[in-house]
Amino acid sequence: MVDAVYDKLAAALNARGTTVPAIICQEYYELVRFLFTPEEAAIACSMPIEYATVEEIATNLGAKDIAKVAAQLEGMGDKGLIHIKESGGKNLYEALPFVPGLVEFQLMKGIVDERSKKWAALLSAYSRAIKREFMSGKALKIEKSAAGRKVAVDKDVQQLASVIPYKEMKQLLMDTEHIAVGTCVCRHQGNLLGKPSSEPMEVCMVLGESALFSIERGFTRRLSRDEALKKLDEAEEAGLVHNYVNSPGQFTNLLCNCCGCHCFILRGAKNAPAPSQLINPRYLVHINEKECTGCEACIERCWMKALKMENGRLVREEIRCIGCGLCMWVCPTDALYLEAREAGKVPLKKC
């Protein structure tokens, strides 16, 4: 039965991350069949968690024709189904989760064609299916085993996304050698589905070694450091949240500049009673009451509605604040400032 390989693929995807889980349903089958041939799905299922050589993958597959497997892997790289990096003169291959990975690669080029529109529609249908399954109240079985899996002891498999304020994100860009930029996946999907966004489109970045692959395969374009800093300024001025997924050694060094109207993560968080529990917030905004004039410019700026006026005073709801610092951008008296939360004291890993 052909569906059996896609059932195994769900386990392989979830073994690499469940930001967007692979849940078996009709919409899931339609989504992965659109991306993977049965042969490609079998290859993805055979790939270890960490990078692997073509010989290791062929052994897991039980395939003797190494050249054929190598050609298939290269083709999967061109389609954005896997990540490839060069090390010691050999290519190493890494399977990807849905997010960050497969979803971004399908739309980062910013192409408007029938294939992109089809993918956007399938992804939207799958997102509704996930919501339906979670809202059903049923216990969801999200299988996380994968064929050929190997896990390194005392080593993170995946780092959670963190909201990073402007000043810290600027320093990360200053310290990063390779930077690439692509189209915002969420806003591009909205455009393809007839729900356009007025926010900047080409502001989402790939950093470090991960950028090299995305540039080489044409998913993104290279930026100089000065160009990247200008992109960051553009995103900050537009009121976009800097959301950074960082796990060196894997294809997860992504900076998404997110809006609360199209980003599925921010959109879900702002509708939740406790956004700070759904997003990894490194900082918490504080108010200097002596400096605050009550102009209310910051209130509209906050996607999470963490700021409001009470009895003529600006107050902050801690459980709603995600520490993005966007409110500080429009404060005319510098009355707002950030302090690290306990979780935020853990230093970011550089690419």
C-alpha atoms as a PDB file:
ATOM      1  CA  MET A   1       0.000   0.000   0.000  1.00  0.00           C
ATOM      2  CA  VAL A   2       1.496   3.331  -1.131  1.00  0.00           C
ATOM      3  CA  ASP A   3       0.148   5.204   1.908  1.00  0.00           C
ATOM      4  CA  ALA A   4       2.340   3.080   4.199  1.00  0.00           C
ATOM      5  CA  VAL A   5       5.480   4.952   3.150  1.00  0.00           C
ATOM      6  CA  TYR A   6       3.758   8.277   3.838  1.00  0.00           C
ATOM      7  CA  ASP A   7       2.721   6.997   7.272  1.00  0.00           C
ATOM      8  CA  LYS A   8       6.389   6.270   7.960  1.00  0.00           C
ATOM      9  CA  LEU A   9       7.274   9.695   6.593  1.00  0.00           C
ATOM     10  CA  ALA A  10       5.039  11.305   9.230  1.00  0.00           C
ATOM     11  CA  ALA A  11       7.154   9.649  11.925  1.00  0.00           C
ATOM     12  CA  ALA A  12      10.364  10.825  10.248  1.00  0.00           C
ATOM     13  CA  LEU A  13       9.076  14.403  10.020  1.00  0.00           C
ATOM     14  CA  ASN A  14       7.965  14.467  13.649  1.00  0.00           C
ATOM     15  CA  ALA A  15      11.287  13.032  14.802  1.00  0.00           C
ATOM     16  CA  ARG A  16      12.836  16.257  13.555  1.00  0.00           C
ATOM     17  CA  GLY A  17      10.379  18.738  15.036  1.00  0.00           C
ATOM     18  CA  THR A  18       6.700  19.259  15.768  1.00  0.00           C
ATOM     19  CA  THR A  19       6.277  23.027  15.393  1.00  0.00           C
ATOM     20  CA  VAL A  20       3.898  21.896  12.671  1.00  0.00           C
ATOM     21  CA  PRO A  21       3.295  18.192  13.389  1.00  0.00           C
ATOM     22  CA  ALA A  22       2.658  15.538  10.783  1.00  0.00           C
ATOM     23  CA  ILE A  23      -0.786  14.201  11.687  1.00  0.00           C
ATOM     24  CA  ILE A  24      -2.259  11.408   9.578  1.00  0.00           C
ATOM     25  CA  CYS A  25      -5.373  12.656   7.801  1.00  0.00           C
ATOM     26  CA  GLN A  26      -6.531  13.090   4.215  1.00  0.00           C
ATOM     27  CA  GLU A  27      -5.080  16.602   4.051  1.00  0.00           C
ATOM     28  CA  TYR A  28      -1.701  15.291   5.219  1.00  0.00           C
ATOM     29  CA  TYR A  29      -1.620  12.691   2.439  1.00  0.00           C
ATOM     30  CA  GLU A  30      -2.485  15.315  -0.174  1.00  0.00           C
ATOM     31  CA  LEU A  31       0.252  17.614   1.126  1.00  0.00           C
ATOM     32  CA  VAL A  32       3.099  15.084   1.218  1.00  0.00           C
ATOM     33  CA  ARG A  33       2.126  13.417  -2.073  1.00  0.00           C
ATOM     34  CA  PHE A  34       2.434  16.862  -3.653  1.00  0.00           C
ATOM     35  CA  LEU A  35       6.012  17.121  -2.351  1.00  0.00           C
ATOM     36  CA  PHE A  36       7.387  13.577  -2.260  1.00  0.00           C
ATOM     37  CA  THR A  37       7.248  10.727  -4.711  1.00  0.00           C
ATOM     38  CA  PRO A  38       6.988   7.352  -2.927  1.00  0.00           C
ATOM     39  CA  GLU A  39      10.686   6.790  -3.674  1.00  0.00           C
ATOM     40  CA  GLU A  40      11.654  10.156  -2.168  1.00  0.00           C
ATOM     41  CA  ALA A  41       9.507   9.489   0.901  1.00  0.00           C
ATOM     42  CA  ALA A  42      11.306   6.169   1.408  1.00  0.00           C
ATOM     43  CA  ILE A  43      14.665   7.929   1.217  1.00  0.00           C
ATOM     44  CA  ALA A  44      13.592  10.561   3.770  1.00  0.00           C
ATOM     45  CA  CYS A  45      12.448   7.777   6.108  1.00  0.00           C
ATOM     46  CA  SER A  46      15.846   6.104   5.851  1.00  0.00           C
ATOM     47  CA  MET A  47      17.831   9.191   6.826  1.00  0.00           C
ATOM     48  CA  PRO A  48      19.277   9.470  10.355  1.00  0.00           C
ATOM     49  CA  ILE A  49      18.489  12.488  12.528  1.00  0.00           C
ATOM     50  CA  GLU A  50      21.977  13.892  12.014  1.00  0.00           C
ATOM     51  CA  TYR A  51      23.713  14.519   8.718  1.00  0.00           C
ATOM     52  CA  ALA A  52      24.586  11.322   6.850  1.00  0.00           C
ATOM     53  CA  THR A  53      26.639  10.313   3.848  1.00  0.00           C
ATOM     54  CA  VAL A  54      25.082   8.824   0.749  1.00  0.00           C
ATOM     55  CA  GLU A  55      26.668   5.487   1.677  1.00  0.00           C
ATOM     56  CA  GLU A  56      24.951   5.481   5.093  1.00  0.00           C
ATOM     57  CA  ILE A  57      21.611   6.355   3.552  1.00  0.00           C
ATOM     58  CA  ALA A  58      21.977   3.727   0.833  1.00  0.00           C
ATOM     59  CA  THR A  59      22.775   1.113   3.504  1.00  0.00           C
ATOM     60  CA  ASN A  60      19.615   2.029   5.420  1.00  0.00           C
ATOM     61  CA  LEU A  61      17.642   1.787   2.173  1.00  0.00           C
ATOM     62  CA  GLY A  62      19.204  -1.537   1.227  1.00  0.00           C
ATOM     63  CA  ALA A  63      20.248   0.041  -2.073  1.00  0.00           C
ATOM     64  CA  LYS A  64      23.397  -1.050  -3.899  1.00  0.00           C
ATOM     65  CA  ASP A  65      23.486   1.642  -6.578  1.00  0.00           C
ATOM     66  CA  ILE A  66      25.198   4.491  -4.671  1.00  0.00           C
ATOM     67  CA  ALA A  67      25.270   6.777  -7.698  1.00  0.00           C
ATOM     68  CA  LYS A  68      21.521   6.478  -8.158  1.00  0.00           C
ATOM     69  CA  VAL A  69      20.837   7.290  -4.493  1.00  0.00           C
ATOM     70  CA  ALA A  70      23.203  10.280  -4.730  1.00  0.00           C
ATOM     71  CA  ALA A  71      21.332  11.587  -7.778  1.00  0.00           C
ATOM     72  CA  GLN A  72      18.004  11.163  -5.989  1.00  0.00           C
ATOM     73  CA  LEU A  73      19.313  13.044  -2.946  1.00  0.00           C
ATOM     74  CA  GLU A  74      20.575  15.898  -5.097  1.00  0.00           C
ATOM     75  CA  GLY A  75      17.182  16.110  -6.762  1.00  0.00           C
ATOM     76  CA  MET A  76      15.499  16.219  -3.367  1.00  0.00           C
ATOM     77  CA  GLY A  77      17.827  19.072  -2.419  1.00  0.00           C
ATOM     78  CA  ASP A  78      16.779  21.006  -5.511  1.00  0.00           C
ATOM     79  CA  LYS A  79      13.134  20.544  -4.471  1.00  0.00           C
ATOM     80  CA  GLY A  80      13.787  21.741  -0.918  1.00  0.00           C
ATOM     81  CA  LEU A  81      12.962  18.371   0.630  1.00  0.00           C
ATOM     82  CA  ILE A  82      16.336  17.921   2.327  1.00  0.00           C
ATOM     83  CA  HIS A  83      19.316  20.048   3.302  1.00  0.00           C
ATOM     84  CA  ILE A  84      22.772  19.361   1.877  1.00  0.00           C
ATOM     85  CA  LYS A  85      26.126  20.610   3.065  1.00  0.00           C
ATOM     86  CA  GLU A  86      29.699  19.910   2.016  1.00  0.00           C
ATOM     87  CA  SER A  87      32.212  18.635   4.548  1.00  0.00           C
ATOM     88  CA  GLY A  88      35.668  17.226   3.890  1.00  0.00           C
ATOM     89  CA  GLY A  89      35.046  17.110   0.154  1.00  0.00           C
ATOM     90  CA  LYS A  90      31.842  15.051   0.514  1.00  0.00           C
ATOM     91  CA  ASN A  91      28.181  16.022   0.552  1.00  0.00           C
ATOM     92  CA  LEU A  92      26.242  15.305   3.730  1.00  0.00           C
ATOM     93  CA  TYR A  93      22.451  15.064   3.749  1.00  0.00           C
ATOM     94  CA  GLU A  94      19.854  16.041   6.364  1.00  0.00           C
ATOM     95  CA  ALA A  95      16.102  15.433   6.278  1.00  0.00           C
ATOM     96  CA  LEU A  96      13.888  18.329   7.339  1.00  0.00           C
ATOM     97  CA  PRO A  97      10.769  18.780   9.474  1.00  0.00           C
ATOM     98  CA  PHE A  98       7.723  20.604   8.149  1.00  0.00           C
ATOM     99  CA  VAL A  99       8.744  23.820   9.961  1.00  0.00           C
ATOM    100  CA  PRO A 100      11.349  25.168   9.760  1.00  0.00           C
ATOM    101  CA  GLY A 101      12.305  23.491   6.515  1.00  0.00           C
ATOM    102  CA  LEU A 102       9.903  22.016   3.983  1.00  0.00           C
ATOM    103  CA  VAL A 103       7.276  24.755   4.195  1.00  0.00           C
ATOM    104  CA  GLU A 104       9.762  27.607   3.875  1.00  0.00           C
ATOM    105  CA  PHE A 105      11.583  26.143   0.895  1.00  0.00           C
ATOM    106  CA  GLN A 106       8.401  25.801  -1.159  1.00  0.00           C
ATOM    107  CA  LEU A 107       7.610  29.531  -1.021  1.00  0.00           C
ATOM    108  CA  MET A 108      10.856  31.394  -0.245  1.00  0.00           C
ATOM    109  CA  LYS A 109      11.504  32.119  -3.927  1.00  0.00           C
ATOM    110  CA  GLY A 110       8.405  34.302  -4.051  1.00  0.00           C
ATOM    111  CA  ILE A 111       7.227  32.720  -7.300  1.00  0.00           C
ATOM    112  CA  VAL A 112       3.620  33.221  -8.409  1.00  0.00           C
ATOM    113  CA  ASP A 113       2.564  30.247 -10.547  1.00  0.00           C
ATOM    114  CA  GLU A 114       0.036  27.434 -10.493  1.00  0.00           C
ATOM    115  CA  ARG A 115       2.292  25.113  -8.507  1.00  0.00           C
ATOM    116  CA  SER A 116       2.804  27.738  -5.798  1.00  0.00           C
ATOM    117  CA  LYS A 117      -0.905  28.450  -5.630  1.00  0.00           C
ATOM    118  CA  LYS A 118      -1.628  24.713  -5.334  1.00  0.00           C
ATOM    119  CA  TRP A 119       0.909  24.341  -2.514  1.00  0.00           C
ATOM    120  CA  ALA A 120      -0.515  27.387  -0.706  1.00  0.00           C
ATOM    121  CA  ALA A 121      -4.015  25.897  -0.900  1.00  0.00           C
ATOM    122  CA  LEU A 122      -2.859  22.456   0.296  1.00  0.00           C
ATOM    123  CA  LEU A 123      -0.945  24.013   3.189  1.00  0.00           C
ATOM    124  CA  SER A 124      -3.970  26.080   4.181  1.00  0.00           C
ATOM    125  CA  ALA A 125      -6.194  22.985   4.109  1.00  0.00           C
ATOM    126  CA  TYR A 126      -3.693  21.060   6.228  1.00  0.00           C
ATOM    127  CA  SER A 127      -3.488  23.917   8.739  1.00  0.00           C
ATOM    128  CA  ARG A 128      -7.274  23.788   9.112  1.00  0.00           C
ATOM    129  CA  ALA A 129      -7.083  20.017   9.543  1.00  0.00           C
ATOM    130  CA  ILE A 130      -4.532  20.360  12.351  1.00  0.00           C
ATOM    131  CA  LYS A 131      -6.746  22.909  14.090  1.00  0.00           C
ATOM    132  CA  ARG A 132      -9.719  20.599  13.648  1.00  0.00           C
ATOM    133  CA  GLU A 133      -7.838  17.671  15.173  1.00  0.00           C
ATOM    134  CA  PHE A 134      -6.647  19.702  18.159  1.00  0.00           C
ATOM    135  CA  MET A 135     -10.115  21.181  18.724  1.00  0.00           C
ATOM    136  CA  SER A 136     -11.735  17.741  18.593  1.00  0.00           C
ATOM    137  CA  GLY A 137     -10.563  16.923  22.111  1.00  0.00           C
ATOM    138  CA  LYS A 138      -9.174  13.575  20.987  1.00  0.00           C
ATOM    139  CA  ALA A 139      -5.764  12.495  22.239  1.00  0.00           C
ATOM    140  CA  LEU A 140      -3.469  12.988  19.279  1.00  0.00           C
ATOM    141  CA  LYS A 141      -0.923  10.304  18.550  1.00  0.00           C
ATOM    142  CA  ILE A 142       2.122  11.996  17.078  1.00  0.00           C
ATOM    143  CA  GLU A 143       4.613   9.269  16.301  1.00  0.00           C
ATOM    144  CA  LYS A 144       8.229  10.391  16.578  1.00  0.00           C
ATOM    145  CA  SER A 145      10.268   7.325  15.692  1.00  0.00           C
ATOM    146  CA  ALA A 146      12.123   7.093  12.419  1.00  0.00           C
ATOM    147  CA  ALA A 147      13.977   4.390  10.497  1.00  0.00           C
ATOM    148  CA  GLY A 148      17.731   4.670  10.722  1.00  0.00           C
ATOM    149  CA  ARG A 149      17.487   7.143  13.553  1.00  0.00           C
ATOM    150  CA  LYS A 150      20.534   8.005  15.640  1.00  0.00           C
ATOM    151  CA  VAL A 151      20.525  10.625  18.384  1.00  0.00           C
ATOM    152  CA  ALA A 152      23.616  12.274  19.848  1.00  0.00           C
ATOM    153  CA  VAL A 153      23.807  12.226  23.643  1.00  0.00           C
ATOM    154  CA  ASP A 154      23.746  15.638  25.377  1.00  0.00           C
ATOM    155  CA  LYS A 155      23.035  17.405  22.116  1.00  0.00           C
ATOM    156  CA  ASP A 156      19.911  19.342  21.123  1.00  0.00           C
ATOM    157  CA  VAL A 157      17.953  17.904  18.212  1.00  0.00           C
ATOM    158  CA  GLN A 158      16.172  21.186  17.624  1.00  0.00           C
ATOM    159  CA  GLN A 159      16.137  24.642  19.183  1.00  0.00           C
ATOM    160  CA  LEU A 160      12.823  26.373  19.788  1.00  0.00           C
ATOM    161  CA  ALA A 161      12.125  29.684  18.081  1.00  0.00           C
ATOM    162  CA  SER A 162      12.875  32.747  20.186  1.00  0.00           C
ATOM    163  CA  VAL A 163      11.574  36.294  19.858  1.00  0.00           C
ATOM    164  CA  ILE A 164      14.650  38.514  19.563  1.00  0.00           C
ATOM    165  CA  PRO A 165      14.552  42.312  20.052  1.00  0.00           C
ATOM    166  CA  TYR A 166      16.171  44.598  17.517  1.00  0.00           C
ATOM    167  CA  LYS A 167      19.421  45.350  19.359  1.00  0.00           C
ATOM    168  CA  GLU A 168      20.253  41.671  19.964  1.00  0.00           C
ATOM    169  CA  MET A 169      19.256  40.632  16.451  1.00  0.00           C
ATOM    170  CA  LYS A 170      21.438  43.382  15.000  1.00  0.00           C
ATOM    171  CA  GLN A 171      24.436  42.021  16.904  1.00  0.00           C
ATOM    172  CA  LEU A 172      23.746  38.495  15.640  1.00  0.00           C
ATOM    173  CA  LEU A 173      23.791  39.782  12.065  1.00  0.00           C
ATOM    174  CA  MET A 174      27.042  41.601  12.760  1.00  0.00           C
ATOM    175  CA  ASP A 175      28.574  38.337  14.004  1.00  0.00           C
ATOM    176  CA  THR A 176      27.319  36.153  11.099  1.00  0.00           C
ATOM    177  CA  GLU A 177      29.468  35.527   8.038  1.00  0.00           C
ATOM    178  CA  HIS A 178      26.843  34.229   5.591  1.00  0.00           C
ATOM    179  CA  ILE A 179      23.409  35.857   5.263  1.00  0.00           C
ATOM    180  CA  ALA A 180      20.672  35.205   2.704  1.00  0.00           C
ATOM    181  CA  VAL A 181      17.198  36.668   2.250  1.00  0.00           C
ATOM    182  CA  GLY A 182      13.998  35.207   0.841  1.00  0.00           C
ATOM    183  CA  THR A 183      10.305  35.938   0.609  1.00  0.00           C
ATOM    184  CA  CYS A 184       8.193  35.733   3.761  1.00  0.00           C
ATOM    185  CA  VAL A 185       6.413  32.403   3.478  1.00  0.00           C
ATOM    186  CA  CYS A 186       3.299  33.370   5.443  1.00  0.00           C
ATOM    187  CA  ARG A 187       2.640  36.653   3.650  1.00  0.00           C
ATOM    188  CA  HIS A 188       3.411  35.116   0.251  1.00  0.00           C
ATOM    189  CA  GLN A 189       0.934  32.332   0.991  1.00  0.00           C
ATOM    190  CA  GLY A 190      -1.647  34.991   1.835  1.00  0.00           C
ATOM    191  CA  ASN A 191      -1.004  36.742  -1.460  1.00  0.00           C
ATOM    192  CA  LEU A 192      -1.363  33.472  -3.381  1.00  0.00           C
ATOM    193  CA  LEU A 193      -4.685  32.787  -1.658  1.00  0.00           C
ATOM    194  CA  GLY A 194      -6.091  36.246  -2.369  1.00  0.00           C
ATOM    195  CA  LYS A 195      -5.403  37.614   1.131  1.00  0.00           C
ATOM    196  CA  PRO A 196      -2.673  40.135   0.367  1.00  0.00           C
ATOM    197  CA  SER A 197      -0.411  41.765   2.926  1.00  0.00           C
ATOM    198  CA  SER A 198       0.860  45.330   2.913  1.00  0.00           C
ATOM    199  CA  GLU A 199       3.902  44.413   5.027  1.00  0.00           C
ATOM    200  CA  PRO A 200       7.420  44.005   3.534  1.00  0.00           C
ATOM    201  CA  MET A 201       7.831  40.689   1.741  1.00  0.00           C
ATOM    202  CA  GLU A 202      11.558  40.072   1.214  1.00  0.00           C
ATOM    203  CA  VAL A 203      12.776  40.351   4.809  1.00  0.00           C
ATOM    204  CA  CYS A 204      13.075  36.756   6.087  1.00  0.00           C
ATOM    205  CA  MET A 205      16.665  35.537   6.338  1.00  0.00           C
ATOM    206  CA  VAL A 206      18.775  32.393   6.533  1.00  0.00           C
ATOM    207  CA  LEU A 207      21.995  32.709   8.510  1.00  0.00           C
ATOM    208  CA  GLY A 208      25.343  30.948   8.748  1.00  0.00           C
ATOM    209  CA  GLU A 209      26.149  27.716   6.972  1.00  0.00           C
ATOM    210  CA  SER A 210      22.452  27.153   6.246  1.00  0.00           C
ATOM    211  CA  ALA A 211      22.493  30.244   4.026  1.00  0.00           C
ATOM    212  CA  LEU A 212      25.040  28.679   1.671  1.00  0.00           C
ATOM    213  CA  PHE A 213      22.710  25.841   0.664  1.00  0.00           C
ATOM    214  CA  SER A 214      19.677  28.099   0.199  1.00  0.00           C
ATOM    215  CA  ILE A 215      21.700  30.465  -2.010  1.00  0.00           C
ATOM    216  CA  GLU A 216      23.291  27.675  -4.051  1.00  0.00           C
ATOM    217  CA  ARG A 217      19.929  26.030  -4.765  1.00  0.00           C
ATOM    218  CA  GLY A 218      18.227  29.321  -5.634  1.00  0.00           C
ATOM    219  CA  PHE A 219      15.789  29.551  -2.741  1.00  0.00           C
ATOM    220  CA  THR A 220      17.298  32.816  -1.467  1.00  0.00           C
ATOM    221  CA  ARG A 221      19.809  35.449  -2.517  1.00  0.00           C
ATOM    222  CA  ARG A 222      22.964  36.539  -0.735  1.00  0.00           C
ATOM    223  CA  LEU A 223      23.072  39.737   1.328  1.00  0.00           C
ATOM    224  CA  SER A 224      26.033  41.756   2.453  1.00  0.00           C
ATOM    225  CA  ARG A 225      26.047  42.560   6.157  1.00  0.00           C
ATOM    226  CA  ASP A 226      25.046  46.171   5.435  1.00  0.00           C
ATOM    227  CA  GLU A 227      22.166  44.990   3.252  1.00  0.00           C
ATOM    228  CA  ALA A 228      21.018  42.615   6.010  1.00  0.00           C
ATOM    229  CA  LEU A 229      21.054  45.422   8.576  1.00  0.00           C
ATOM    230  CA  LYS A 230      18.922  47.558   6.250  1.00  0.00           C
ATOM    231  CA  LYS A 231      16.462  44.659   5.933  1.00  0.00           C
ATOM    232  CA  LEU A 232      16.332  44.417   9.718  1.00  0.00           C
ATOM    233  CA  ASP A 233      15.645  48.160   9.966  1.00  0.00           C
ATOM    234  CA  GLU A 234      12.892  47.817   7.363  1.00  0.00           C
ATOM    235  CA  ALA A 235      11.261  45.005   9.345  1.00  0.00           C
ATOM    236  CA  GLU A 236      11.548  46.884  12.636  1.00  0.00           C
ATOM    237  CA  GLU A 237      10.061  50.057  11.199  1.00  0.00           C
ATOM    238  CA  ALA A 238       7.163  48.035   9.751  1.00  0.00           C
ATOM    239  CA  GLY A 239       6.419  46.554  13.190  1.00  0.00           C
ATOM    240  CA  LEU A 240       7.470  42.990  12.387  1.00  0.00           C
ATOM    241  CA  VAL A 241       8.510  40.598  15.170  1.00  0.00           C
ATOM    242  CA  HIS A 242      11.996  39.104  14.825  1.00  0.00           C
ATOM    243  CA  ASN A 243      11.478  35.374  15.386  1.00  0.00           C
ATOM    244  CA  TYR A 244      14.711  33.366  15.278  1.00  0.00           C
ATOM    245  CA  VAL A 245      15.087  29.584  15.094  1.00  0.00           C
ATOM    246  CA  ASN A 246      18.676  28.716  15.916  1.00  0.00           C
ATOM    247  CA  SER A 247      20.260  25.276  16.104  1.00  0.00           C
ATOM    248  CA  PRO A 248      23.814  25.248  14.714  1.00  0.00           C
ATOM    249  CA  GLY A 249      24.687  22.125  12.758  1.00  0.00           C
ATOM    250  CA  GLN A 250      21.143  21.757  11.410  1.00  0.00           C
ATOM    251  CA  PHE A 251      19.126  23.682   8.850  1.00  0.00           C
ATOM    252  CA  THR A 252      17.304  25.778  11.442  1.00  0.00           C
ATOM    253  CA  ASN A 253      19.170  29.093  11.466  1.00  0.00           C
ATOM    254  CA  LEU A 254      16.220  31.133  10.226  1.00  0.00           C
ATOM    255  CA  LEU A 255      15.193  34.702  11.012  1.00  0.00           C
ATOM    256  CA  CYS A 256      11.530  35.280  10.249  1.00  0.00           C
ATOM    257  CA  ASN A 257      10.213  38.837  10.483  1.00  0.00           C
ATOM    258  CA  CYS A 258       6.619  38.107  11.371  1.00  0.00           C
ATOM    259  CA  CYS A 259       3.314  39.949  11.327  1.00  0.00           C
ATOM    260  CA  GLY A 260       0.325  39.102  13.481  1.00  0.00           C
ATOM    261  CA  CYS A 261      -2.001  39.090  10.483  1.00  0.00           C
ATOM    262  CA  HIS A 262      -0.424  36.280   8.422  1.00  0.00           C
ATOM    263  CA  CYS A 263       2.161  34.453  10.573  1.00  0.00           C
ATOM    264  CA  PHE A 264       0.482  31.295  11.862  1.00  0.00           C
ATOM    265  CA  ILE A 265       2.571  31.377  15.062  1.00  0.00           C
ATOM    266  CA  LEU A 266       1.877  35.016  15.977  1.00  0.00           C
ATOM    267  CA  ARG A 267      -1.719  34.801  14.835  1.00  0.00           C
ATOM    268  CA  GLY A 268      -2.319  31.875  17.157  1.00  0.00           C
ATOM    269  CA  ALA A 269      -0.432  33.521  20.016  1.00  0.00           C
ATOM    270  CA  LYS A 270      -2.283  36.822  19.903  1.00  0.00           C
ATOM    271  CA  ASN A 271      -5.635  35.006  20.080  1.00  0.00           C
ATOM    272  CA  ALA A 272      -4.486  32.969  23.093  1.00  0.00           C
ATOM    273  CA  PRO A 273      -4.956  34.088  26.718  1.00  0.00           C
ATOM    274  CA  ALA A 274      -1.225  33.704  27.454  1.00  0.00           C
ATOM    275  CA  PRO A 275       0.941  34.468  24.377  1.00  0.00           C
ATOM    276  CA  SER A 276       4.159  34.348  26.418  1.00  0.00           C
ATOM    277  CA  GLN A 277       3.555  30.654  27.056  1.00  0.00           C
ATOM    278  CA  LEU A 278       3.253  29.825  23.347  1.00  0.00           C
ATOM    279  CA  ILE A 279       6.335  31.715  22.172  1.00  0.00           C
ATOM    280  CA  ASN A 280       9.795  31.615  23.737  1.00  0.00           C
ATOM    281  CA  PRO A 281      10.102  35.201  25.092  1.00  0.00           C
ATOM    282  CA  ARG A 282      13.631  36.194  26.096  1.00  0.00           C
ATOM    283  CA  TYR A 283      12.645  39.614  27.416  1.00  0.00           C
ATOM    284  CA  LEU A 284       9.864  41.487  29.206  1.00  0.00           C
ATOM    285  CA  VAL A 285       9.041  45.146  28.609  1.00  0.00           C
ATOM    286  CA  HIS A 286       8.965  47.548  31.564  1.00  0.00           C
ATOM    287  CA  ILE A 287       7.510  51.052  31.894  1.00  0.00           C
ATOM    288  CA  ASN A 288       9.243  54.074  33.404  1.00  0.00           C
ATOM    289  CA  GLU A 289       6.159  55.854  34.697  1.00  0.00           C
ATOM    290  CA  LYS A 290       8.040  59.107  35.287  1.00  0.00           C
ATOM    291  CA  GLU A 291       8.935  59.321  31.590  1.00  0.00           C
ATOM    292  CA  CYS A 292       5.666  57.983  30.117  1.00  0.00           C
ATOM    293  CA  THR A 293       3.388  60.745  28.768  1.00  0.00           C
ATOM    294  CA  GLY A 294       0.451  58.423  28.045  1.00  0.00           C
ATOM    295  CA  CYS A 295       0.555  59.140  24.302  1.00  0.00           C
ATOM    296  CA  GLU A 296      -0.642  55.557  23.592  1.00  0.00           C
ATOM    297  CA  ALA A 297       1.557  55.201  20.483  1.00  0.00           C
ATOM    298  CA  CYS A 298       2.875  51.882  21.813  1.00  0.00           C
ATOM    299  CA  ILE A 299      -0.547  50.324  22.348  1.00  0.00           C
ATOM    300  CA  GLU A 300      -1.405  49.982  18.672  1.00  0.00           C
ATOM    301  CA  ARG A 301       2.143  48.818  17.930  1.00  0.00           C
ATOM    302  CA  CYS A 302       1.805  45.724  20.154  1.00  0.00           C
ATOM    303  CA  TRP A 303       0.545  42.647  18.255  1.00  0.00           C
ATOM    304  CA  MET A 304      -0.160  40.807  21.525  1.00  0.00           C
ATOM    305  CA  LYS A 305      -2.231  43.605  23.129  1.00  0.00           C
ATOM    306  CA  ALA A 306       0.026  43.503  26.176  1.00  0.00           C
ATOM    307  CA  LEU A 307      -0.218  47.282  26.753  1.00  0.00           C
ATOM    308  CA  LYS A 308      -3.265  49.308  27.744  1.00  0.00           C
ATOM    309  CA  MET A 309      -4.321  52.425  29.630  1.00  0.00           C
ATOM    310  CA  GLU A 310      -5.858  52.092  33.099  1.00  0.00           C
ATOM    311  CA  ASN A 311      -6.875  55.157  35.090  1.00  0.00           C
ATOM    312  CA  GLY A 312      -4.703  57.349  32.910  1.00  0.00           C
ATOM    313  CA  ARG A 313      -1.633  55.131  33.327  1.00  0.00           C
ATOM    314  CA  LEU A 314       0.067  52.822  30.839  1.00  0.00           C
ATOM    315  CA  VAL A 315       0.165  49.263  32.177  1.00  0.00           C
ATOM    316  CA  ARG A 316       1.651  46.051  30.846  1.00  0.00           C
ATOM    317  CA  GLU A 317       0.160  42.559  31.123  1.00  0.00           C
ATOM    318  CA  GLU A 318       3.174  40.312  31.688  1.00  0.00           C
ATOM    319  CA  ILE A 319       1.545  37.097  30.503  1.00  0.00           C
ATOM    320  CA  ARG A 320       0.812  38.699  27.120  1.00  0.00           C
ATOM    321  CA  CYS A 321       4.223  40.314  26.539  1.00  0.00           C
ATOM    322  CA  ILE A 322       6.562  38.362  24.220  1.00  0.00           C
ATOM    323  CA  GLY A 323       9.479  40.769  24.634  1.00  0.00           C
ATOM    324  CA  CYS A 324       9.771  41.839  20.994  1.00  0.00           C
ATOM    325  CA  GLY A 325      10.466  45.472  21.923  1.00  0.00           C
ATOM    326  CA  LEU A 326       8.469  46.863  18.995  1.00  0.00           C
ATOM    327  CA  CYS A 327       6.681  49.234  21.370  1.00  0.00           C
ATOM    328  CA  MET A 328      10.003  50.939  22.163  1.00  0.00           C
ATOM    329  CA  TRP A 329      10.426  51.988  18.520  1.00  0.00           C
ATOM    330  CA  VAL A 330       7.553  54.502  18.714  1.00  0.00           C
ATOM    331  CA  CYS A 331       7.969  55.763  22.299  1.00  0.00           C
ATOM    332  CA  PRO A 332       8.863  59.505  22.065  1.00  0.00           C
ATOM    333  CA  THR A 333      10.311  59.665  25.606  1.00  0.00           C
ATOM    334  CA  ASP A 334      12.135  56.299  25.831  1.00  0.00           C
ATOM    335  CA  ALA A 335       9.846  55.301  28.691  1.00  0.00           C
ATOM    336  CA  LEU A 336       9.858  51.640  27.699  1.00  0.00           C
ATOM    337  CA  TYR A 337      12.775  49.275  28.231  1.00  0.00           C
ATOM    338  CA  LEU A 338      13.458  45.536  28.138  1.00  0.00           C
ATOM    339  CA  GLU A 339      14.862  43.265  30.824  1.00  0.00           C
ATOM    340  CA  ALA A 340      15.754  39.605  30.328  1.00  0.00           C
ATOM    341  CA  ARG A 341      13.383  36.977  31.624  1.00  0.00           C
ATOM    342  CA  GLU A 342      14.967  33.994  33.359  1.00  0.00           C
ATOM    343  CA  ALA A 343      14.726  31.924  30.148  1.00  0.00           C
ATOM    344  CA  GLY A 344      16.195  34.824  28.207  1.00  0.00           C
ATOM    345  CA  LYS A 345      19.452  34.720  30.140  1.00  0.00           C
ATOM    346  CA  VAL A 346      20.572  31.669  28.156  1.00  0.00           C
ATOM    347  CA  PRO A 347      22.916  32.984  25.432  1.00  0.00           C
ATOM    348  CA  LEU A 348      22.014  32.437  21.790  1.00  0.00           C
ATOM    349  CA  LYS A 349      24.121  30.009  19.787  1.00  0.00           C
ATOM    350  CA  LYS A 350      26.014  31.657  16.964  1.00  0.00           C
ATOM    351  CA  CYS A 351      25.830  30.214  13.473  1.00  0.00           C
END
